Protein backbone atom coordinates (compact mmCIF):
# COMPACT_ATOMS: atom_id res chain seq x y z
CA MET A 1 0.00 0.00 0.00
CA ASN A 2 2.76 2.46 0.97
CA ARG A 3 4.67 2.10 -2.29
CA LEU A 4 1.54 2.35 -4.43
CA LEU A 5 0.44 5.60 -2.80
CA ASN A 6 3.47 7.54 -3.96
CA GLY A 7 2.38 7.49 -7.61
CA ALA A 8 0.36 10.65 -7.20
CA LEU A 9 3.32 12.40 -5.59
CA ILE A 10 5.78 11.35 -8.29
CA ILE A 11 3.60 12.93 -10.97
CA VAL A 12 3.56 16.32 -9.28
CA GLY A 13 6.57 16.11 -6.98
CA VAL A 14 9.49 15.80 -9.36
CA ILE A 15 12.57 17.32 -7.77
CA PHE A 16 12.84 20.89 -8.97
CA ALA A 17 15.93 23.03 -9.29
CA PHE A 18 14.64 25.54 -6.80
CA ASN A 19 15.88 28.46 -4.80
CA LEU A 20 14.95 28.55 -1.12
CA LEU A 21 14.50 32.27 -0.62
CA TYR A 22 11.24 33.21 1.09
CA THR A 23 9.10 35.67 -0.86
CA ASP A 24 7.33 38.63 0.68
CA THR A 25 4.07 36.74 0.25
CA PHE A 26 5.44 33.85 2.30
CA ALA A 27 7.00 36.04 4.97
CA GLN A 28 4.03 38.33 5.58
CA GLY A 29 0.27 38.29 5.93
CA GLN A 30 -2.39 36.51 7.93
CA ALA A 31 -1.83 33.17 6.18
CA ALA A 32 1.86 33.27 7.07
CA GLN A 33 1.08 34.09 10.69
CA ASP A 34 -1.39 31.23 11.00
CA TYR A 35 1.00 28.87 9.27
CA GLN A 36 3.81 29.78 11.67
CA LYS A 37 1.55 29.14 14.66
CA GLY A 38 0.59 25.81 13.14
CA ARG A 39 4.20 24.87 12.55
CA GLU A 40 5.10 25.70 16.15
CA ALA A 41 2.19 23.58 17.39
CA PHE A 42 3.17 20.71 15.08
CA MET A 43 6.78 20.72 16.34
CA THR A 44 5.61 19.87 19.86
CA PHE A 45 4.65 16.43 18.50
CA THR A 46 1.78 16.06 20.97
CA PRO A 47 -1.86 15.15 20.27
CA GLU A 48 -2.94 18.65 21.32
CA GLY A 49 -0.18 20.15 19.20
CA PHE A 50 -1.27 18.22 16.12
CA LYS A 51 -4.88 19.22 16.70
CA ASN A 52 -3.94 22.88 17.00
CA ALA A 53 -1.64 22.66 13.99
CA ILE A 54 -4.46 21.36 11.80
CA SER A 55 -6.66 24.22 12.96
CA PHE A 56 -4.03 26.88 12.23
CA TYR A 57 -3.12 25.40 8.84
CA LYS A 58 -6.78 25.41 7.83
CA LYS A 59 -7.08 29.03 9.00
CA ALA A 60 -4.10 29.89 6.82
CA ILE A 61 -5.77 28.26 3.83
CA ALA A 62 -9.00 30.12 4.55
CA ALA A 63 -7.03 33.39 4.61
CA ASP A 64 -5.20 32.50 1.39
CA PRO A 65 -6.36 29.45 -0.62
CA ASN A 66 -3.11 29.61 -2.61
CA TYR A 67 -0.79 29.49 0.38
CA ALA A 68 1.38 26.45 -0.39
CA PRO A 69 3.12 25.99 2.99
CA ALA A 70 -0.19 25.44 4.78
CA TYR A 71 -1.15 22.59 2.44
CA ALA A 72 2.36 21.19 2.86
CA GLY A 73 2.00 21.43 6.63
CA LEU A 74 -1.18 19.36 6.51
CA GLY A 75 0.49 16.85 4.19
CA GLU A 76 3.46 16.53 6.52
CA LEU A 77 1.29 16.15 9.64
CA TYR A 78 -1.03 13.53 8.13
CA SER A 79 1.98 11.55 6.92
CA PHE A 80 3.30 11.38 10.50
CA GLN A 81 -0.07 10.21 11.78
CA GLY A 82 -0.38 7.59 9.06
CA TYR A 83 3.13 6.30 9.61
CA TYR A 84 2.67 5.71 13.31
CA ARG A 85 -0.70 4.03 12.79
CA TYR A 86 0.95 1.78 10.21
CA GLU A 87 3.68 0.92 12.72
CA VAL A 88 1.17 -0.16 15.39
CA LYS A 89 -1.06 -1.99 12.88
CA GLU A 90 -4.00 0.40 13.03
CA ASP A 91 -5.92 1.78 10.05
CA TYR A 92 -3.61 4.24 8.33
CA GLU A 93 -4.67 4.52 4.67
CA LYS A 94 -6.91 7.58 5.12
CA TYR A 95 -4.05 9.55 6.67
CA TYR A 96 -1.72 8.78 3.78
CA ILE A 97 -4.38 9.67 1.25
CA ASP A 98 -5.06 13.00 3.01
CA SER A 99 -1.30 13.62 3.16
CA ILE A 100 -0.87 13.06 -0.56
CA GLU A 101 -3.88 15.17 -1.52
CA ASN A 102 -2.55 18.13 0.44
CA MET A 103 0.98 17.66 -0.90
CA LYS A 104 -0.35 17.67 -4.46
CA LYS A 105 -1.99 21.04 -3.79
CA ALA A 106 1.16 22.48 -2.25
CA LEU A 107 3.34 21.28 -5.12
CA LYS A 108 0.94 22.62 -7.73
CA ILE A 109 0.94 26.08 -6.12
CA ASN A 110 4.64 26.46 -5.35
CA PRO A 111 7.05 23.53 -5.34
CA ASN A 112 10.06 25.78 -4.83
CA LEU A 113 9.62 26.67 -1.18
CA GLU A 114 11.77 24.92 1.42
CA PRO A 115 8.83 24.07 3.73
CA VAL A 116 7.05 22.40 0.82
CA GLN A 117 10.11 20.34 -0.06
CA VAL A 118 10.69 19.32 3.58
CA ALA A 119 7.08 18.18 3.85
CA LEU A 120 7.48 16.29 0.57
CA ALA A 121 10.59 14.55 1.86
CA TYR A 122 8.81 13.51 5.05
CA THR A 123 5.90 12.17 3.03
CA TYR A 124 8.17 10.11 0.80
CA LEU A 125 9.91 8.76 3.90
CA HIS A 126 6.67 7.77 5.58
CA ILE A 127 5.23 5.98 2.55
CA SER A 128 8.49 4.03 2.23
CA ASP A 129 9.78 5.63 -0.98
CA GLU A 130 13.28 5.98 0.42
CA LYS A 131 14.95 6.86 -2.88
CA SER A 132 12.68 9.87 -3.44
CA ALA A 133 13.05 10.90 0.20
CA ILE A 134 16.85 10.90 -0.17
CA ASN A 135 16.76 12.82 -3.45
CA THR A 136 14.42 15.45 -2.02
CA ALA A 137 16.46 15.82 1.17
CA GLN A 138 19.69 16.17 -0.81
CA ALA A 139 18.16 18.88 -3.00
CA ILE A 140 17.21 20.81 0.14
CA LEU A 141 20.67 20.36 1.65
CA ALA A 142 22.34 21.55 -1.54
CA LYS A 143 20.73 24.94 -0.89
CA ASN A 144 20.63 24.83 2.91
CA PRO A 145 23.25 22.50 4.46
CA ASN A 146 21.96 23.32 7.94
CA ASN A 147 18.41 22.06 7.50
CA ALA A 148 18.22 19.63 10.43
CA GLU A 149 15.04 17.99 9.19
CA ALA A 150 16.53 17.23 5.78
CA LEU A 151 19.58 15.71 7.47
CA TYR A 152 17.32 13.55 9.63
CA ILE A 153 15.22 12.46 6.65
CA ARG A 154 18.27 11.51 4.60
CA TRP A 155 19.62 9.53 7.57
CA ALA A 156 16.33 7.72 8.17
CA ALA A 157 15.87 6.91 4.48
CA LYS A 158 19.38 5.45 4.32
CA GLY A 159 18.68 2.90 7.03
CA HIS A 160 18.90 4.47 10.52
CA ASN A 161 22.60 3.79 11.13
CA PRO A 162 23.35 5.25 14.60
CA ASN A 163 26.91 6.09 13.48
CA ASN A 164 25.89 8.00 10.37
CA PRO A 165 27.06 11.64 10.73
CA ASP A 166 23.77 12.99 9.37
CA ILE A 167 21.87 12.18 12.57
CA LYS A 168 24.59 13.65 14.78
CA ARG A 169 24.66 16.83 12.70
CA ALA A 170 20.85 17.11 12.75
CA LEU A 171 20.83 16.99 16.55
CA GLU A 172 23.73 19.44 16.81
CA ILE A 173 21.68 21.92 14.79
CA ASN A 174 18.43 21.20 16.64
CA PRO A 175 18.88 19.19 19.86
CA LYS A 176 15.10 19.17 20.34
CA LEU A 177 14.17 17.76 16.95
CA VAL A 178 11.72 15.12 18.15
CA PRO A 179 11.67 12.86 15.05
CA ALA A 180 15.49 12.68 15.15
CA LEU A 181 15.53 11.83 18.87
CA ILE A 182 12.89 9.15 18.41
CA GLY A 183 14.57 7.86 15.27
CA LEU A 184 17.93 7.52 16.98
CA GLY A 185 16.30 5.86 20.00
CA THR A 186 14.57 3.40 17.73
CA ALA A 187 17.80 2.74 15.84
CA TYR A 188 19.52 1.74 19.08
CA TYR A 189 16.43 -0.27 20.09
CA GLU A 190 16.07 -2.23 16.85
CA LYS A 191 19.54 -2.40 15.33
CA ARG A 192 21.76 -2.59 18.40
CA ARG A 193 19.29 -3.97 20.93
CA SER A 194 20.79 -1.28 23.14
CA PHE A 195 17.69 -0.54 25.17
CA GLY A 196 19.42 1.75 27.66
CA GLN A 197 20.61 4.08 24.90
CA ALA A 198 17.17 3.91 23.31
CA GLU A 199 15.63 4.91 26.63
CA ALA A 200 17.98 7.91 26.92
CA TYR A 201 16.93 9.33 23.54
CA TYR A 202 13.24 8.64 24.14
CA ARG A 203 13.51 10.52 27.44
CA LYS A 204 15.10 13.49 25.68
CA ALA A 205 12.25 13.48 23.19
CA ALA A 206 9.72 13.31 26.02
CA GLU A 207 11.05 16.59 27.38
CA THR A 208 9.45 18.23 24.34
CA ALA A 209 6.75 15.78 23.24
CA SER A 210 4.35 14.54 25.88
CA SER A 211 2.57 12.10 23.59
CA PRO A 212 1.08 8.62 23.98
CA GLU A 213 3.25 7.32 21.16
CA LEU A 214 6.43 8.47 22.85
CA TYR A 215 5.42 7.07 26.24
CA ASN A 216 4.79 3.79 24.47
CA TYR A 217 8.29 3.85 22.93
CA LEU A 218 9.81 4.70 26.30
CA GLY A 219 7.81 1.97 28.01
CA ASN A 220 9.04 -0.61 25.54
CA SER A 221 12.67 0.37 26.08
CA LEU A 222 12.14 -0.14 29.83
CA LEU A 223 10.24 -3.37 29.28
CA TYR A 224 13.14 -4.98 27.46
CA GLN A 225 15.54 -3.94 30.20
CA GLY A 226 13.38 -5.80 32.70
CA HIS A 227 12.13 -2.63 34.37
CA TYR A 228 8.54 -3.82 34.28
CA ASN A 229 6.96 -1.53 36.86
CA GLU A 230 8.60 1.53 35.31
CA ALA A 231 7.40 0.37 31.91
CA ILE A 232 3.84 0.02 33.20
CA ASN A 233 4.00 3.59 34.50
CA GLN A 234 4.90 4.80 31.00
CA PHE A 235 2.11 2.81 29.37
CA GLN A 236 -0.33 4.22 31.91
CA SER A 237 0.91 7.72 31.06
CA ALA A 238 0.16 6.97 27.41
CA LEU A 239 -3.34 5.82 28.30
CA LYS A 240 -4.04 8.98 30.28
CA LEU A 241 -3.52 10.91 27.07
CA ASP A 242 -5.30 8.36 24.86
CA PRO A 243 -7.59 5.89 26.69
CA ASN A 244 -8.13 3.98 23.44
CA PHE A 245 -4.46 3.42 22.61
CA ALA A 246 -4.38 -0.31 21.90
CA ALA A 247 -0.58 -0.58 21.69
CA ALA A 248 -0.16 0.70 25.25
CA TYR A 249 -2.64 -1.87 26.60
CA ARG A 250 -0.88 -4.62 24.67
CA ASN A 251 2.56 -3.73 25.96
CA MET A 252 1.29 -3.18 29.47
CA GLY A 253 -0.15 -6.70 29.34
CA ILE A 254 3.28 -8.04 28.37
CA ALA A 255 4.86 -6.26 31.34
CA TYR A 256 2.22 -7.69 33.69
CA TYR A 257 2.87 -11.16 32.25
CA TYR A 258 6.57 -10.95 33.04
CA LEU A 259 5.74 -9.74 36.54
CA GLY A 260 3.57 -12.84 36.99
CA ASN A 261 0.34 -10.82 37.31
CA THR A 262 -1.68 -13.04 34.99
CA ASN A 263 -5.08 -11.52 35.75
CA ASP A 264 -3.85 -8.01 34.97
CA ALA A 265 -2.07 -9.32 31.87
CA ILE A 266 -5.24 -10.97 30.58
CA ALA A 267 -7.34 -7.87 31.27
CA ALA A 268 -4.87 -5.61 29.45
CA GLU A 269 -4.57 -7.91 26.44
CA GLN A 270 -8.35 -8.30 26.22
CA LYS A 271 -8.66 -4.53 26.09
CA ALA A 272 -5.97 -4.32 23.44
CA ILE A 273 -7.71 -6.91 21.27
CA SER A 274 -11.07 -5.16 21.65
CA LEU A 275 -9.49 -1.93 20.37
CA ASN A 276 -7.32 -3.49 17.65
CA PRO A 277 -7.85 -7.17 16.78
CA HIS A 278 -5.04 -7.21 14.20
CA VAL A 279 -1.96 -7.36 16.44
CA PRO A 280 -0.60 -10.90 17.00
CA ASP A 281 1.34 -10.11 20.19
CA ALA A 282 -1.82 -9.59 22.22
CA TYR A 283 -3.15 -13.05 21.34
CA PHE A 284 0.19 -14.69 22.05
CA PHE A 285 0.57 -13.19 25.51
CA MET A 286 -3.09 -13.81 26.25
CA ALA A 287 -2.44 -17.49 25.51
CA GLN A 288 0.72 -17.48 27.61
CA SER A 289 -1.11 -15.88 30.53
CA TYR A 290 -3.99 -18.34 30.37
CA GLU A 291 -1.52 -21.22 30.26
CA LYS A 292 0.29 -19.85 33.30
CA ALA A 293 -3.11 -19.62 35.03
CA ARG A 294 -3.73 -23.29 34.09
CA ASN A 295 -6.73 -22.41 31.95
CA TYR A 296 -5.59 -24.67 29.13
CA ALA A 297 -8.73 -24.48 27.02
CA GLN A 298 -8.45 -20.70 26.75
CA ALA A 299 -4.70 -20.95 26.20
CA LYS A 300 -5.22 -23.29 23.23
CA SER A 301 -7.94 -21.02 21.85
CA TYR A 302 -5.69 -17.95 21.92
CA TYR A 303 -2.67 -19.80 20.55
CA ASN A 304 -4.84 -20.79 17.59
CA GLN A 305 -6.12 -17.23 17.18
CA PHE A 306 -2.55 -15.97 17.33
CA LEU A 307 -1.50 -18.32 14.53
CA GLN A 308 -4.34 -17.04 12.36
CA VAL A 309 -3.56 -13.37 12.95
CA ALA A 310 0.22 -13.85 12.58
CA LEU A 311 -0.07 -15.78 9.32
CA GLY A 312 2.49 -14.53 6.80
CA GLN A 313 4.20 -12.08 9.18
CA ASP A 314 7.83 -13.16 9.39
CA GLU A 315 8.62 -11.06 12.45
CA TYR A 316 6.52 -13.45 14.54
CA SER A 317 8.34 -16.61 13.47
CA ILE A 318 9.73 -17.32 16.95
CA TYR A 319 6.32 -16.83 18.55
CA VAL A 320 4.77 -19.06 15.87
CA LYS A 321 7.24 -21.83 16.69
CA THR A 322 6.49 -21.48 20.41
CA ALA A 323 2.72 -21.43 19.86
CA LYS A 324 2.85 -24.62 17.81
CA GLN A 325 5.00 -26.31 20.44
CA ARG A 326 2.66 -25.28 23.24
CA LEU A 327 -0.41 -26.43 21.32
CA ALA A 328 1.21 -29.83 20.84
CA ALA A 329 2.10 -30.03 24.51
CA LEU A 330 -1.40 -28.99 25.58
CA SER A 331 -3.21 -31.35 23.26
CA GLY A 332 -3.32 -34.04 25.91
CA LYS A 333 -4.55 -31.75 28.71
């Protein structure tokens, strides 16, 4: 789905040889003021900030229907929302479609502005067109070598190597650039399995962005260090901001499981499944918890449901092997 969506962008979003000087129209006027307020709200990377950013961007468009940065701002914001929902296996297509529609408008009006090109690069990155993201970021950096966001985007599109100088330079320029802090934390989490370093960068990001997504990232980094109670606190912080955040319930259930609190684990995983029935982990740890509680019938049921939901998803291969082994062992009980 991600790679198919970029067709509309490629048609309109060919890399232009552009100058990055702001025009008087961009620098002045009510639309520019509303856009700037929206951009500031967006850069907090909080649910309230995103909500306010959408409102300000729409005000800017109402003030000037041909104000390209405001459409680009909406495209950028929706691409972030779609990407995270994709990551946690929630419905994301509408956000990507809205992102692309707004980017098409921005590019049609004025593709030459730096904010439009940055938003375009983010959108390419989030829909997994890494080559176009790199090309767009490099075109920005050719004109403005100190654009921290372009450095981050190029780094992320090239594979999230923690030692790549782009990410270090991006954070030197803007130490509070939340996507770069989260990206570097995730790079240590996934590529190095260095959960302590991941935690450190997530905590830095949390100083700026009090968001359920970030608390979930931070909770996971604590979970895999064995700090289960601290992890639960982070997941609960996420749920205070978003009571329907399925990923936080799922991960909180995992933490409860490792603490041996099977009833709390089952309750959390049940809630996660009710909110998002498409995530295999919840079924697996539900089955594990029921087995630990000696409710073998329910354990077998959830192992089977897990195998159905996880079908074709290679990242669950170890869990699949375990589920099959446990089903075989439980068949006589």
